[in-house]
Amino acid sequence: MSDTEWWKCEKEIARKAIKVAYGREQQAILEDIRKRISEVNDLAELWRFQEYLTEKRIEIGEKYDYRYSVLDFFFARLIWEGWLQEEELEGLADEKLDEIRRNTLFLKGGD
């Protein structure tokens, strides 16, 4: 956990980046849902689909419940998962970007 202070302009950059990543992930989930629902042929598949939706709702709710104290890891996760590009965080302080890069490398397994 980081105790780095986030300046007003950095908070704006962070909010914008989160909105972009959330929009991308939301769109991908909606596309996946459309595909999956079109393949439902019986009630058993429908119940599995309901479980999938519940799992996704919980996953997204937990993931996007962010706090400034963990944003460096949160952004690294979004980059690692492909929902955000590092360039979309341009304007953050160098030490924050460095920490995000280190966390991204950690998530990638230290490649």
Protein backbone atom coordinates (compact mmCIF):
# COMPACT_ATOMS: atom_id res chain seq x y z
CA MET A 1 0.00 0.00 0.00
CA SER A 2 1.23 3.44 -0.87
CA ASP A 3 0.96 6.56 1.26
CA THR A 4 1.83 8.84 -1.64
CA GLU A 5 -0.23 12.01 -1.86
CA TRP A 6 -2.33 12.46 -5.00
CA TRP A 7 -2.58 16.03 -6.24
CA LYS A 8 -5.83 17.39 -7.65
CA CYS A 9 -4.61 17.21 -11.26
CA GLU A 10 -3.43 13.63 -10.70
CA LYS A 11 -6.79 12.67 -9.25
CA GLU A 12 -8.44 13.99 -12.42
CA ILE A 13 -6.06 11.92 -14.57
CA ALA A 14 -6.77 8.89 -12.39
CA ARG A 15 -10.56 9.31 -12.61
CA LYS A 16 -10.40 9.69 -16.39
CA ALA A 17 -8.17 6.62 -16.77
CA ILE A 18 -10.45 4.56 -14.55
CA LYS A 19 -13.50 5.64 -16.54
CA VAL A 20 -11.77 4.64 -19.79
CA ALA A 21 -10.68 1.24 -18.44
CA TYR A 22 -14.10 0.57 -16.92
CA GLY A 23 -15.79 1.44 -20.22
CA ARG A 24 -13.54 -0.95 -22.12
CA GLU A 25 -14.07 -3.77 -19.67
CA GLN A 26 -17.81 -3.12 -19.53
CA GLN A 27 -18.02 -3.28 -23.33
CA ALA A 28 -16.08 -6.56 -23.41
CA ILE A 29 -18.38 -8.06 -20.79
CA LEU A 30 -21.48 -6.95 -22.69
CA GLU A 31 -20.15 -8.51 -25.90
CA ASP A 32 -19.37 -11.73 -24.02
CA ILE A 33 -22.86 -11.75 -22.49
CA ARG A 34 -24.50 -11.31 -25.89
CA LYS A 35 -22.51 -14.24 -27.25
CA ARG A 36 -23.16 -16.48 -24.25
CA ILE A 37 -26.89 -15.77 -24.04
CA SER A 38 -27.31 -16.62 -27.71
CA GLU A 39 -25.88 -20.07 -26.95
CA VAL A 40 -28.25 -20.86 -24.07
CA ASN A 41 -30.44 -23.81 -25.06
CA ASP A 42 -31.86 -25.10 -21.77
CA LEU A 43 -32.46 -24.15 -18.18
CA ALA A 44 -29.25 -25.73 -16.91
CA GLU A 45 -27.26 -23.46 -19.23
CA LEU A 46 -29.35 -20.50 -18.15
CA TRP A 47 -28.57 -21.17 -14.47
CA ARG A 48 -24.84 -21.42 -15.32
CA PHE A 49 -25.19 -18.14 -17.17
CA GLN A 50 -26.75 -16.58 -14.08
CA GLU A 51 -23.78 -17.80 -12.00
CA TYR A 52 -21.40 -16.27 -14.56
CA LEU A 53 -23.22 -12.92 -14.30
CA THR A 54 -23.08 -13.01 -10.51
CA GLU A 55 -19.35 -13.78 -10.56
CA LYS A 56 -18.69 -10.95 -13.03
CA ARG A 57 -20.72 -8.47 -10.99
CA ILE A 58 -18.75 -9.33 -7.85
CA GLU A 59 -15.41 -9.26 -9.70
CA ILE A 60 -16.08 -5.85 -11.24
CA GLY A 61 -17.48 -4.45 -8.01
CA GLU A 62 -14.39 -5.50 -6.08
CA LYS A 63 -11.94 -4.44 -8.77
CA TYR A 64 -13.31 -0.93 -9.30
CA ASP A 65 -13.67 -0.21 -5.58
CA TYR A 66 -10.43 1.72 -5.64
CA ARG A 67 -8.72 3.93 -3.10
CA TYR A 68 -5.88 6.38 -3.68
CA SER A 69 -3.70 4.36 -1.31
CA VAL A 70 -3.72 1.40 -3.74
CA LEU A 71 -4.06 3.15 -7.10
CA ASP A 72 -0.51 2.28 -8.16
CA PHE A 73 -1.32 -1.43 -7.93
CA PHE A 74 -4.84 -0.93 -9.31
CA PHE A 75 -3.47 0.80 -12.42
CA ALA A 76 -0.82 -1.89 -12.82
CA ARG A 77 -3.57 -4.51 -12.76
CA LEU A 78 -5.61 -2.63 -15.38
CA ILE A 79 -2.53 -2.36 -17.61
CA TRP A 80 -1.63 -6.02 -17.08
CA GLU A 81 -5.20 -7.10 -17.90
CA GLY A 82 -5.19 -4.92 -21.04
CA TRP A 83 -7.90 -2.45 -20.03
CA LEU A 84 -5.55 0.51 -19.79
CA GLN A 85 -2.40 1.72 -21.52
CA GLU A 86 0.42 3.34 -19.57
CA GLU A 87 0.24 6.35 -21.88
CA GLU A 88 -3.26 7.05 -20.56
CA LEU A 89 -1.69 7.88 -17.19
CA GLU A 90 0.52 10.61 -18.65
CA GLY A 91 0.68 13.54 -16.27
CA LEU A 92 1.09 11.53 -13.08
CA ALA A 93 4.25 12.17 -11.10
CA ASP A 94 7.28 10.16 -12.18
CA GLU A 95 7.46 8.26 -8.88
CA LYS A 96 3.85 7.12 -9.31
CA LEU A 97 4.49 5.99 -12.87
CA ASP A 98 7.64 4.16 -11.76
CA GLU A 99 5.68 2.36 -9.03
CA ILE A 100 2.95 1.43 -11.54
CA ARG A 101 5.62 0.05 -13.89
CA ARG A 102 7.20 -2.00 -11.07
CA ASN A 103 3.82 -3.40 -10.09
CA THR A 104 3.01 -4.22 -13.70
CA LEU A 105 6.29 -6.12 -14.02
CA PHE A 106 5.47 -7.94 -10.79
CA LEU A 107 2.09 -9.01 -12.18
CA LYS A 108 3.74 -10.16 -15.40
CA GLY A 109 6.01 -12.36 -13.34
CA GLY A 110 9.07 -10.15 -13.47
CA ASP A 111 9.62 -10.63 -17.22
